[in-house]
Amino acid sequence: MDVAERRVPLNRERVLNAAVDLADRTGLDALSMRNLAQELGVVPMALYKHVANKDELLDGMVDTVVAGIPAVSPTGDWKAAVRDRILGARQALLRHPWAWQVINSRTDPTPAMLAYLDSVIGLFLAGGFSPDQVHHITHALGTRMLGYTPELFNDSTPLPPEAQLEMARAMAPRFPNLALMAMAAAHDESSVVGAGCDDQFEFEFALGLLLDGFDRLPR
């Protein structure tokens, strides 16, 4: 960072943007107040004028990411609008691979997250669903509403395709149906957001089924 950049006054927005950029480059585990202060060319205590602690920093980072999700119009085709909004959220998470973990760890939604959820609920209401139906819909969507899915087969250290195939063959005599499915499965690791089989195809496949099912509800 050059001298001119160091002279830029520190504010909350600059702190959060720098934290998001640092987490994008180094991962969440490497993010600390000390490392962030070094990135900004300030002493660590200077950060606490803008974020009270690490938790507030993480909340602000989530808000920064969520605020960048493209908005959609609530008029017209509700299904297309909801799909675009949710896939927009997923693209934001793909750009910031650490973000879903922070969202998953928060006990209370941040202001930007509440605004995002409010907008998605508004799209369903504009589509003619009752508030009670939307309540059930949000439960059915779960974290898909936020752009990711914690999966049944959650492997934090995915095996290479050859090792996965060998494992499937080994289980075939005892668990033939599971092995058959495992040998047929293929995933694009570059499009994974959450843990497990959360790649783009699986996400869009399930989202499409859910939206089609919601469309059959009487309104």
Protein backbone atom coordinates (compact mmCIF):
# COMPACT_ATOMS: atom_id res chain seq x y z
CA MET A 1 0.00 0.00 0.00
CA ASP A 2 1.53 3.36 -1.04
CA VAL A 3 1.65 6.59 0.95
CA ALA A 4 -1.34 8.11 -0.87
CA GLU A 5 -3.52 5.12 0.03
CA ARG A 6 -2.40 5.31 3.66
CA ARG A 7 -3.61 8.92 3.83
CA VAL A 8 -7.18 8.03 2.84
CA PRO A 9 -9.30 8.57 5.98
CA LEU A 10 -10.40 5.37 7.63
CA ASN A 11 -14.15 4.76 7.85
CA ARG A 12 -16.43 1.79 8.38
CA GLU A 13 -17.05 1.19 4.68
CA ARG A 14 -13.34 1.14 3.91
CA VAL A 15 -12.67 -1.24 6.80
CA LEU A 16 -15.40 -3.66 5.66
CA ASN A 17 -14.38 -3.55 2.00
CA ALA A 18 -10.77 -4.25 2.95
CA ALA A 19 -11.87 -7.14 5.18
CA VAL A 20 -13.95 -8.66 2.37
CA ASP A 21 -11.02 -8.33 -0.04
CA LEU A 22 -8.60 -9.85 2.47
CA ALA A 23 -10.91 -12.80 3.17
CA ASP A 24 -11.35 -13.34 -0.59
CA ARG A 25 -7.59 -13.53 -1.06
CA THR A 26 -6.44 -15.36 2.06
CA GLY A 27 -9.52 -17.14 3.44
CA LEU A 28 -11.49 -16.60 6.60
CA ASP A 29 -9.02 -18.37 8.90
CA ALA A 30 -6.31 -15.86 8.03
CA LEU A 31 -8.53 -12.86 8.75
CA SER A 32 -7.67 -11.12 12.02
CA MET A 33 -7.90 -7.57 13.28
CA ARG A 34 -4.11 -7.41 13.25
CA ASN A 35 -3.83 -8.60 9.64
CA LEU A 36 -6.60 -6.26 8.56
CA ALA A 37 -4.91 -3.32 10.27
CA GLN A 38 -1.67 -4.17 8.47
CA GLU A 39 -3.58 -4.33 5.18
CA LEU A 40 -4.96 -0.84 5.80
CA GLY A 41 -1.67 0.56 7.10
CA VAL A 42 -3.02 1.44 10.54
CA VAL A 43 -2.57 0.21 14.10
CA PRO A 44 -5.12 -2.43 15.21
CA MET A 45 -6.72 -0.07 17.74
CA ALA A 46 -7.75 2.25 14.88
CA LEU A 47 -10.15 -0.43 13.61
CA TYR A 48 -12.12 -0.47 16.86
CA LYS A 49 -13.43 3.02 16.17
CA HIS A 50 -15.41 1.48 13.29
CA VAL A 51 -16.10 -2.12 14.38
CA ALA A 52 -16.42 -3.06 18.04
CA ASN A 53 -15.00 -6.58 17.68
CA LYS A 54 -14.43 -9.49 15.30
CA ASP A 55 -18.11 -10.50 15.38
CA GLU A 56 -19.23 -7.04 14.33
CA LEU A 57 -16.60 -7.12 11.59
CA LEU A 58 -17.96 -10.44 10.28
CA ASP A 59 -21.54 -9.14 10.41
CA GLY A 60 -20.50 -6.07 8.45
CA MET A 61 -18.70 -8.21 5.89
CA VAL A 62 -21.87 -10.27 5.37
CA ASP A 63 -23.86 -7.08 4.91
CA THR A 64 -21.33 -5.84 2.36
CA VAL A 65 -21.66 -9.05 0.32
CA VAL A 66 -25.46 -9.27 0.60
CA ALA A 67 -25.94 -5.61 -0.28
CA GLY A 68 -24.22 -6.34 -3.61
CA ILE A 69 -26.80 -8.96 -4.70
CA PRO A 70 -28.64 -7.56 -7.75
CA ALA A 71 -32.22 -6.49 -7.11
CA VAL A 72 -35.10 -7.73 -9.29
CA SER A 73 -38.50 -6.25 -10.06
CA PRO A 74 -41.47 -7.68 -8.12
CA THR A 75 -43.71 -7.29 -11.16
CA GLY A 76 -44.26 -9.85 -13.92
CA ASP A 77 -43.25 -13.52 -13.61
CA TRP A 78 -42.83 -14.24 -9.88
CA LYS A 79 -41.04 -17.54 -10.53
CA ALA A 80 -38.41 -15.98 -12.78
CA ALA A 81 -37.96 -13.10 -10.35
CA VAL A 82 -37.44 -15.40 -7.34
CA ARG A 83 -35.09 -17.62 -9.33
CA ASP A 84 -33.01 -14.62 -10.47
CA ARG A 85 -32.85 -13.20 -6.95
CA ILE A 86 -31.75 -16.48 -5.37
CA LEU A 87 -29.24 -17.28 -8.13
CA GLY A 88 -27.93 -13.74 -7.74
CA ALA A 89 -27.31 -14.52 -4.07
CA ARG A 90 -25.51 -17.71 -5.07
CA GLN A 91 -23.26 -15.81 -7.48
CA ALA A 92 -22.34 -13.45 -4.64
CA LEU A 93 -21.38 -16.44 -2.50
CA LEU A 94 -19.32 -17.91 -5.33
CA ARG A 95 -17.40 -14.62 -5.57
CA HIS A 96 -16.79 -14.70 -1.81
CA PRO A 97 -16.26 -18.39 -0.90
CA TRP A 98 -16.01 -17.68 2.84
CA ALA A 99 -19.37 -15.86 3.10
CA TRP A 100 -21.68 -18.89 3.41
CA GLN A 101 -19.72 -20.09 6.44
CA VAL A 102 -20.16 -16.74 8.18
CA ILE A 103 -23.86 -16.63 7.30
CA ASN A 104 -24.23 -20.18 8.61
CA SER A 105 -22.56 -19.23 11.90
CA ARG A 106 -24.66 -16.14 12.67
CA THR A 107 -27.42 -16.52 15.26
CA ASP A 108 -29.18 -13.30 14.22
CA PRO A 109 -29.64 -12.03 10.65
CA THR A 110 -27.81 -8.81 9.80
CA PRO A 111 -29.75 -5.75 8.54
CA ALA A 112 -28.79 -6.40 4.91
CA MET A 113 -29.74 -10.07 5.27
CA LEU A 114 -33.15 -9.09 6.67
CA ALA A 115 -33.63 -6.70 3.74
CA TYR A 116 -32.73 -9.49 1.29
CA LEU A 117 -35.13 -11.96 2.92
CA ASP A 118 -37.84 -9.30 2.99
CA SER A 119 -37.38 -8.74 -0.76
CA VAL A 120 -37.66 -12.46 -1.59
CA ILE A 121 -40.78 -12.78 0.56
CA GLY A 122 -42.17 -9.76 -1.26
CA LEU A 123 -41.66 -11.52 -4.60
CA PHE A 124 -43.73 -14.48 -3.42
CA LEU A 125 -46.46 -12.20 -2.06
CA ALA A 126 -46.53 -10.32 -5.37
CA GLY A 127 -46.98 -13.72 -7.04
CA GLY A 128 -50.27 -14.18 -5.23
CA PHE A 129 -49.20 -16.44 -2.36
CA SER A 130 -50.73 -15.81 1.05
CA PRO A 131 -48.48 -14.87 4.00
CA ASP A 132 -49.13 -18.31 5.51
CA GLN A 133 -48.14 -20.03 2.26
CA VAL A 134 -44.98 -17.94 2.09
CA HIS A 135 -44.13 -19.00 5.64
CA HIS A 136 -44.24 -22.67 4.57
CA ILE A 137 -42.38 -21.86 1.34
CA THR A 138 -39.48 -20.29 3.20
CA HIS A 139 -39.17 -23.40 5.37
CA ALA A 140 -39.19 -25.60 2.27
CA LEU A 141 -36.45 -23.50 0.65
CA GLY A 142 -34.31 -23.36 3.79
CA THR A 143 -30.84 -22.00 3.09
CA ARG A 144 -31.52 -22.28 -0.66
CA MET A 145 -33.23 -18.94 -0.18
CA LEU A 146 -29.75 -17.58 0.65
CA GLY A 147 -27.98 -19.30 -2.25
CA TYR A 148 -26.44 -22.42 -0.72
CA THR A 149 -27.42 -25.83 0.66
CA PRO A 150 -25.91 -27.82 3.53
CA GLU A 151 -25.99 -31.33 2.11
CA LEU A 152 -26.81 -34.81 3.37
CA PHE A 153 -23.47 -36.16 2.11
CA ASN A 154 -21.26 -33.53 3.71
CA ASP A 155 -17.61 -34.30 3.01
CA SER A 156 -15.30 -31.46 4.08
CA THR A 157 -12.35 -33.17 2.34
CA PRO A 158 -13.67 -34.43 -1.01
CA LEU A 159 -11.78 -37.36 -2.51
CA PRO A 160 -10.39 -37.36 -6.06
CA PRO A 161 -12.80 -38.90 -8.62
CA GLU A 162 -10.71 -42.08 -8.87
CA ALA A 163 -10.80 -42.60 -5.10
CA GLN A 164 -14.54 -41.93 -5.01
CA LEU A 165 -15.08 -44.54 -7.74
CA GLU A 166 -12.98 -47.08 -5.88
CA MET A 167 -14.93 -46.45 -2.67
CA ALA A 168 -18.22 -46.91 -4.52
CA ARG A 169 -17.05 -50.22 -5.97
CA ALA A 170 -15.99 -51.40 -2.51
CA MET A 171 -19.41 -50.68 -1.02
CA ALA A 172 -21.33 -52.19 -3.97
CA PRO A 173 -21.71 -55.76 -2.55
CA ARG A 174 -23.30 -54.51 0.66
CA PHE A 175 -24.97 -51.26 -0.46
CA PRO A 176 -25.68 -51.74 -4.18
CA ASN A 177 -28.16 -48.90 -4.62
CA LEU A 178 -25.97 -46.35 -2.88
CA ALA A 179 -22.95 -47.48 -4.89
CA LEU A 180 -24.87 -47.27 -8.17
CA MET A 181 -25.87 -43.69 -7.42
CA ALA A 182 -22.35 -42.75 -6.29
CA MET A 183 -20.76 -44.12 -9.47
CA ALA A 184 -23.21 -42.14 -11.60
CA ALA A 185 -22.76 -38.84 -9.74
CA ALA A 186 -20.68 -36.06 -11.27
CA HIS A 187 -20.10 -32.61 -9.82
CA ASP A 188 -18.46 -29.42 -11.04
CA GLU A 189 -16.19 -28.55 -8.11
CA SER A 190 -15.60 -25.05 -9.49
CA SER A 191 -19.28 -24.18 -8.94
CA VAL A 192 -19.58 -25.41 -5.33
CA VAL A 193 -20.61 -22.94 -2.64
CA GLY A 194 -21.37 -24.94 0.52
CA ALA A 195 -20.13 -28.30 1.68
CA GLY A 196 -21.11 -31.61 0.09
CA CYS A 197 -22.77 -31.87 -3.32
CA ASP A 198 -23.68 -28.19 -3.46
CA ASP A 199 -22.66 -27.45 -7.05
CA GLN A 200 -24.54 -25.23 -9.48
CA PHE A 201 -26.40 -28.01 -11.29
CA GLU A 202 -27.65 -29.63 -8.08
CA PHE A 203 -28.68 -26.26 -6.69
CA GLU A 204 -30.61 -25.18 -9.79
CA PHE A 205 -32.16 -28.64 -10.19
CA ALA A 206 -33.62 -28.59 -6.66
CA LEU A 207 -34.59 -24.91 -6.85
CA GLY A 208 -36.48 -25.55 -10.09
CA LEU A 209 -38.38 -28.48 -8.58
CA LEU A 210 -39.36 -26.41 -5.55
CA LEU A 211 -40.51 -23.41 -7.58
CA ASP A 212 -42.56 -25.65 -9.87
CA GLY A 213 -44.14 -27.25 -6.79
CA PHE A 214 -44.96 -23.86 -5.25
CA ASP A 215 -46.60 -22.85 -8.53
CA ARG A 216 -49.16 -25.64 -8.06
CA LEU A 217 -50.40 -24.21 -4.76
CA PRO A 218 -53.89 -22.69 -4.98
CA ARG A 219 -53.78 -18.90 -4.88
